[in-house]
N, C-alpha and C. Protein backbone atom coordinates (compact mmCIF):
# COMPACT_ATOMS: atom_id res chain seq x y z
N MET A 1 4.78 -47.89 20.88
CA MET A 1 3.08 -47.93 19.89
C MET A 1 2.90 -49.16 19.81
N ILE A 2 1.17 -49.20 20.42
CA ILE A 2 0.41 -50.39 21.27
C ILE A 2 -0.21 -50.35 19.70
N ILE A 3 -0.57 -51.55 18.82
CA ILE A 3 -1.60 -51.78 18.20
C ILE A 3 -2.38 -52.78 18.45
N TYR A 4 -3.62 -52.43 18.23
CA TYR A 4 -4.80 -53.22 19.02
C TYR A 4 -5.64 -53.57 17.68
N ILE A 5 -6.34 -54.80 17.74
CA ILE A 5 -7.08 -55.15 17.00
C ILE A 5 -8.31 -55.73 18.23
N LYS A 6 -9.83 -55.01 17.68
CA LYS A 6 -10.37 -55.00 18.63
C LYS A 6 -10.35 -54.28 19.85
N ASP A 7 -10.27 -55.12 20.90
CA ASP A 7 -9.61 -54.87 22.13
C ASP A 7 -8.33 -55.69 22.91
N GLN A 8 -8.05 -55.96 21.88
CA GLN A 8 -5.82 -57.03 22.43
C GLN A 8 -5.03 -56.31 21.19
N ILE A 9 -4.28 -56.34 21.93
CA ILE A 9 -3.32 -56.24 21.50
C ILE A 9 -2.52 -56.85 20.66
N LEU A 10 -2.33 -56.51 19.46
CA LEU A 10 -1.81 -56.93 17.91
C LEU A 10 -0.10 -57.45 17.94
N PHE A 11 0.38 -56.18 18.20
CA PHE A 11 1.63 -56.38 18.31
C PHE A 11 2.66 -54.70 19.18
N GLN A 12 3.78 -54.29 19.30
CA GLN A 12 3.93 -53.32 19.91
C GLN A 12 5.22 -53.08 19.09
N VAL A 13 5.67 -51.25 19.11
CA VAL A 13 7.04 -50.70 18.70
C VAL A 13 7.51 -50.20 20.08
N MET A 14 8.52 -51.12 20.19
CA MET A 14 9.11 -50.39 21.23
C MET A 14 10.87 -50.59 21.02
N PRO A 15 11.66 -49.46 21.49
CA PRO A 15 13.01 -49.40 21.42
C PRO A 15 13.48 -50.66 21.90
N ALA A 16 15.04 -50.76 20.66
CA ALA A 16 15.94 -52.65 21.28
C ALA A 16 16.11 -52.64 22.70
N LYS A 17 16.94 -51.35 23.27
CA LYS A 17 17.64 -51.49 24.34
C LYS A 17 16.57 -51.90 25.67
N ASN A 18 15.40 -51.52 25.17
CA ASN A 18 14.40 -52.65 26.00
C ASN A 18 14.95 -53.72 26.46
N PHE A 19 15.04 -54.51 25.70
CA PHE A 19 15.30 -56.01 25.52
C PHE A 19 16.92 -56.37 25.21
N LYS A 20 17.67 -55.69 25.54
CA LYS A 20 18.84 -56.54 25.98
C LYS A 20 19.41 -57.33 26.73
N ASP A 21 18.40 -57.15 28.28
CA ASP A 21 18.95 -58.07 29.01
C ASP A 21 17.89 -59.44 28.81
N LYS A 22 17.44 -59.40 27.57
CA LYS A 22 16.74 -60.41 27.05
C LYS A 22 17.34 -61.64 26.03
N GLY A 23 18.67 -60.85 25.35
CA GLY A 23 19.72 -61.59 24.99
C GLY A 23 19.69 -60.56 23.48
N LEU A 24 18.88 -59.95 23.34
CA LEU A 24 18.92 -59.02 21.85
C LEU A 24 19.84 -58.62 22.05
N ASN A 25 20.81 -58.76 20.41
CA ASN A 25 21.82 -58.25 20.06
C ASN A 25 21.33 -57.39 18.58
N ALA A 26 21.36 -56.01 19.50
CA ALA A 26 21.06 -55.11 18.28
C ALA A 26 22.19 -53.47 17.93
N GLN A 27 22.71 -53.69 17.34
CA GLN A 27 24.30 -52.51 17.17
C GLN A 27 23.57 -51.47 17.41
N ASN A 28 22.30 -51.18 17.30
CA ASN A 28 22.08 -49.82 17.51
C ASN A 28 20.43 -49.92 18.79
N PRO A 29 21.10 -49.27 20.01
CA PRO A 29 20.21 -49.77 21.14
C PRO A 29 18.70 -48.64 20.84
N ASN A 30 19.11 -47.86 19.77
CA ASN A 30 17.97 -46.59 19.95
C ASN A 30 17.68 -47.14 18.71
N ASP A 31 17.40 -47.99 17.99
CA ASP A 31 16.35 -48.47 16.89
C ASP A 31 15.46 -49.13 17.62
N PHE A 32 14.35 -49.36 16.87
CA PHE A 32 13.01 -49.82 17.03
C PHE A 32 12.93 -51.43 17.11
N VAL A 33 11.84 -52.26 17.69
CA VAL A 33 11.63 -53.53 17.35
C VAL A 33 10.25 -53.59 17.27
N ALA A 34 9.63 -54.82 16.33
CA ALA A 34 8.43 -54.70 16.49
C ALA A 34 7.93 -56.18 17.69
N ILE A 35 7.77 -56.10 18.47
CA ILE A 35 7.52 -56.93 19.29
C ILE A 35 5.72 -57.85 19.36
N HIS A 36 5.70 -58.91 19.04
CA HIS A 36 4.97 -59.87 19.00
C HIS A 36 4.72 -60.93 19.63
N PHE A 37 3.85 -61.14 20.69
CA PHE A 37 3.43 -61.90 21.98
C PHE A 37 2.58 -62.57 21.58
N PHE A 38 2.36 -63.95 22.27
CA PHE A 38 1.12 -64.44 22.38
C PHE A 38 1.02 -65.12 23.53
N ASN A 39 -0.04 -65.28 23.54
CA ASN A 39 -0.26 -65.85 24.98
C ASN A 39 -1.97 -66.95 24.87
N LYS A 40 -2.26 -67.43 26.02
CA LYS A 40 -3.56 -67.82 26.06
C LYS A 40 -4.79 -66.85 25.92
N ASN A 41 -4.36 -65.79 26.55
CA ASN A 41 -5.07 -64.99 26.55
C ASN A 41 -5.17 -63.66 25.73
N LYS A 42 -5.08 -64.18 24.02
CA LYS A 42 -4.99 -63.20 22.87
C LYS A 42 -5.18 -64.52 22.31
N THR A 43 -7.07 -64.58 21.92
CA THR A 43 -7.78 -65.35 21.56
C THR A 43 -7.94 -64.86 20.29
N LEU A 44 -7.64 -63.72 19.94
CA LEU A 44 -7.91 -62.98 18.23
C LEU A 44 -6.43 -63.30 17.43
N THR A 45 -5.58 -63.83 17.81
CA THR A 45 -4.43 -63.97 17.63
C THR A 45 -3.38 -64.91 17.70
N PHE A 46 -3.80 -65.71 18.54
CA PHE A 46 -3.33 -67.02 18.86
C PHE A 46 -2.35 -68.17 18.36
N ASP A 47 -4.07 -68.62 17.07
CA ASP A 47 -3.45 -68.83 16.11
C ASP A 47 -2.29 -68.21 15.25
N LYS A 48 -1.81 -67.39 15.06
CA LYS A 48 -0.64 -66.71 14.49
C LYS A 48 0.60 -66.97 14.98
N LEU A 49 0.69 -67.80 16.46
CA LEU A 49 1.84 -68.18 16.84
C LEU A 49 2.55 -69.00 15.79
N GLU A 50 1.64 -70.25 15.20
CA GLU A 50 2.25 -71.18 14.22
C GLU A 50 3.40 -70.30 13.11
N LYS A 51 2.91 -69.94 13.00
CA LYS A 51 3.59 -68.57 11.61
C LYS A 51 4.91 -68.24 12.22
N PHE A 52 4.91 -67.97 13.60
CA PHE A 52 6.24 -67.50 14.16
C PHE A 52 7.39 -68.39 14.20
N LYS A 53 7.08 -70.35 14.03
CA LYS A 53 7.74 -71.22 14.45
C LYS A 53 7.79 -71.52 13.25
N SER A 54 8.03 -71.01 12.03
CA SER A 54 7.97 -71.42 10.57
C SER A 54 9.47 -71.04 10.60
N PRO A 55 10.36 -71.78 9.82
CA PRO A 55 11.88 -71.84 9.98
C PRO A 55 12.17 -70.20 8.99
N ASP A 56 11.73 -70.01 8.14
CA ASP A 56 11.48 -68.48 7.61
C ASP A 56 11.51 -67.25 8.65
N LEU A 57 10.53 -67.43 9.48
CA LEU A 57 10.40 -65.91 10.26
C LEU A 57 11.56 -66.54 11.43
N GLU A 58 12.01 -67.76 11.79
CA GLU A 58 12.65 -67.88 12.84
C GLU A 58 13.74 -66.83 12.61
N LYS A 59 14.23 -67.15 11.43
CA LYS A 59 15.41 -66.51 10.74
C LYS A 59 15.63 -65.29 11.15
N GLU A 60 14.02 -64.61 11.00
CA GLU A 60 14.25 -62.77 11.37
C GLU A 60 13.89 -62.60 12.55
N TYR A 61 13.22 -63.45 13.40
CA TYR A 61 12.92 -62.71 14.76
C TYR A 61 13.86 -63.90 16.23
N PHE A 62 14.10 -62.51 16.87
CA PHE A 62 14.58 -63.10 18.32
C PHE A 62 13.15 -63.32 19.19
N HIS A 63 13.44 -64.69 20.02
CA HIS A 63 12.40 -65.57 20.42
C HIS A 63 13.16 -65.55 21.56
N TYR A 64 12.36 -65.29 22.70
CA TYR A 64 12.47 -65.78 24.20
C TYR A 64 10.82 -65.80 25.07
N GLU A 65 10.76 -66.81 26.21
CA GLU A 65 9.81 -66.91 26.35
C GLU A 65 9.85 -66.64 27.76
N GLU A 66 8.95 -65.54 28.22
CA GLU A 66 8.83 -64.98 29.60
C GLU A 66 7.69 -63.76 29.66
N PRO A 67 6.80 -64.30 30.79
CA PRO A 67 6.82 -65.73 31.61
C PRO A 67 6.51 -66.57 30.96
N LYS A 68 6.78 -67.80 31.64
CA LYS A 68 6.42 -69.37 31.01
C LYS A 68 4.77 -68.95 30.32
N GLY A 69 4.52 -69.76 28.92
CA GLY A 69 3.76 -69.68 28.29
C GLY A 69 3.14 -68.38 27.12
N ASN A 70 3.91 -67.15 27.37
CA ASN A 70 3.87 -66.01 26.70
C ASN A 70 5.48 -65.76 26.10
N PHE A 71 4.96 -66.47 24.45
CA PHE A 71 5.68 -66.78 23.73
C PHE A 71 6.28 -65.29 22.69
N ASN A 72 7.31 -64.64 23.12
CA ASN A 72 8.07 -63.40 22.76
C ASN A 72 9.08 -63.10 21.04
N TYR A 73 8.18 -62.73 20.30
CA TYR A 73 9.00 -62.47 18.76
C TYR A 73 9.72 -61.28 18.70
N LEU A 74 10.96 -60.75 18.51
CA LEU A 74 11.09 -59.59 18.19
C LEU A 74 12.03 -59.45 16.95
N LYS A 75 11.42 -57.89 16.52
CA LYS A 75 12.30 -57.94 14.88
C LYS A 75 12.67 -56.46 14.85
N ILE A 76 14.23 -56.41 14.91
CA ILE A 76 14.84 -55.25 14.73
C ILE A 76 13.91 -54.27 13.34
N ILE A 77 13.90 -53.14 13.18
CA ILE A 77 13.07 -52.29 12.27
C ILE A 77 13.77 -51.21 12.14
N GLY A 78 14.99 -50.80 13.11
CA GLY A 78 15.37 -49.23 12.87
C GLY A 78 15.05 -48.43 13.15
N GLN A 79 14.83 -47.07 12.65
CA GLN A 79 14.35 -45.57 13.15
C GLN A 79 14.28 -44.84 12.41
N ASN A 80 13.84 -45.53 10.59
CA ASN A 80 13.37 -44.35 9.80
C ASN A 80 11.84 -44.76 9.51
N PRO A 81 11.19 -43.60 10.04
CA PRO A 81 9.78 -43.95 9.85
C PRO A 81 8.93 -44.42 8.61
N ILE A 82 9.59 -44.16 7.54
CA ILE A 82 9.09 -45.05 6.31
C ILE A 82 9.07 -46.21 6.54
N GLU A 83 10.49 -46.94 6.78
CA GLU A 83 10.84 -48.23 7.06
C GLU A 83 9.39 -49.11 8.45
N ILE A 84 9.65 -48.30 8.99
CA ILE A 84 8.89 -48.91 9.87
C ILE A 84 7.48 -48.92 9.45
N GLU A 85 6.92 -48.16 9.11
CA GLU A 85 5.80 -48.25 8.53
C GLU A 85 5.43 -49.47 7.57
N LYS A 86 6.66 -48.86 6.71
CA LYS A 86 6.46 -50.31 5.39
C LYS A 86 6.37 -52.00 6.61
N GLU A 87 6.96 -51.75 7.90
CA GLU A 87 7.11 -53.16 8.11
C GLU A 87 6.03 -53.31 8.88
N LEU A 88 5.14 -52.26 9.58
CA LEU A 88 3.78 -52.41 10.13
C LEU A 88 2.85 -53.37 9.07
N TYR A 89 2.80 -52.79 7.91
CA TYR A 89 1.69 -52.84 6.99
C TYR A 89 2.26 -54.18 6.41
N ALA A 90 2.98 -54.21 6.58
CA ALA A 90 3.45 -55.93 6.13
C ALA A 90 3.12 -57.33 6.95
N ASN A 91 3.18 -56.90 8.40
CA ASN A 91 2.74 -57.63 9.62
C ASN A 91 0.99 -57.54 9.18
N PHE A 92 0.46 -56.89 9.23
CA PHE A 92 -0.57 -56.18 9.24
C PHE A 92 -1.13 -57.64 7.94
N LYS A 93 -0.57 -57.70 7.10
CA LYS A 93 -1.05 -58.44 5.53
C LYS A 93 -0.15 -59.61 5.46
N ASP A 94 1.34 -59.67 5.89
CA ASP A 94 1.72 -61.12 5.35
C ASP A 94 1.47 -61.85 6.76
N ILE A 95 1.42 -61.52 8.20
CA ILE A 95 1.43 -62.02 9.33
C ILE A 95 0.36 -62.65 9.79
N TYR A 96 -0.66 -61.13 10.23
CA TYR A 96 -1.91 -61.40 10.51
C TYR A 96 -3.07 -61.14 9.71
N ASP A 97 -2.80 -61.26 8.18
CA ASP A 97 -3.88 -61.73 7.12
C ASP A 97 -5.05 -60.83 7.09
N LEU A 98 -4.55 -59.18 7.42
CA LEU A 98 -6.10 -58.65 7.57
C LEU A 98 -5.64 -57.74 6.23
N ASP A 99 -6.93 -57.16 5.43
CA ASP A 99 -7.22 -56.48 4.82
C ASP A 99 -8.06 -55.63 5.17
N ASP A 100 -8.56 -55.97 6.27
CA ASP A 100 -9.67 -54.82 6.16
C ASP A 100 -8.90 -54.36 7.83
N LEU A 101 -8.45 -52.96 7.50
CA LEU A 101 -7.05 -52.22 8.90
C LEU A 101 -8.30 -51.47 9.84
N ARG A 102 -9.91 -51.54 9.19
CA ARG A 102 -10.81 -50.36 10.09
C ARG A 102 -10.89 -51.19 11.59
N GLU A 103 -10.51 -52.06 11.81
CA GLU A 103 -10.76 -52.69 13.24
C GLU A 103 -9.33 -52.12 14.20
N ILE A 104 -8.51 -51.75 13.47
CA ILE A 104 -6.55 -51.40 14.12
C ILE A 104 -6.96 -50.34 14.68
N THR A 105 -6.86 -49.95 15.81
CA THR A 105 -6.33 -48.55 16.52
C THR A 105 -4.63 -48.76 16.96
N ILE A 106 -4.38 -47.74 17.29
CA ILE A 106 -3.05 -47.37 17.57
C ILE A 106 -2.76 -46.73 18.85
N ASP A 107 -1.86 -46.76 19.69
CA ASP A 107 -1.69 -46.29 21.07
C ASP A 107 -0.73 -45.69 21.35
N TYR A 108 -0.13 -44.74 21.50
CA TYR A 108 1.63 -44.45 21.71
C TYR A 108 1.34 -43.89 22.94
N ALA A 109 2.65 -44.89 23.18
CA ALA A 109 3.56 -44.81 24.95
C ALA A 109 4.68 -43.84 24.61
N ASP A 110 5.12 -43.27 25.86
CA ASP A 110 6.60 -42.89 26.24
C ASP A 110 7.28 -44.14 26.58
N TYR A 111 8.32 -44.39 26.00
CA TYR A 111 8.95 -45.71 26.22
C TYR A 111 10.11 -45.24 26.94
């Protein structure tokens, strides 16, 4: 699942198994992760990168940089649809400070 704001990817939800080779230690590889990534091309959300560098969020997220200048932050969110939905809305409100969700679009992809 890819979540967009206007024409830019806001963040994605993908299976944790896709990030095992990056060092993500998921007890269940079929769990999903919310992946937030930042680079200079994400002009609508690049300013939110600083939130992920805070001590509180650093404890919750697995981080890696690849390719250089592309900062990736992953959080395991499980498989329960209700919990995934709660996490998505928390991300909209707490990380991206979005009160109006009308600019959000979702694209479903097969991983």
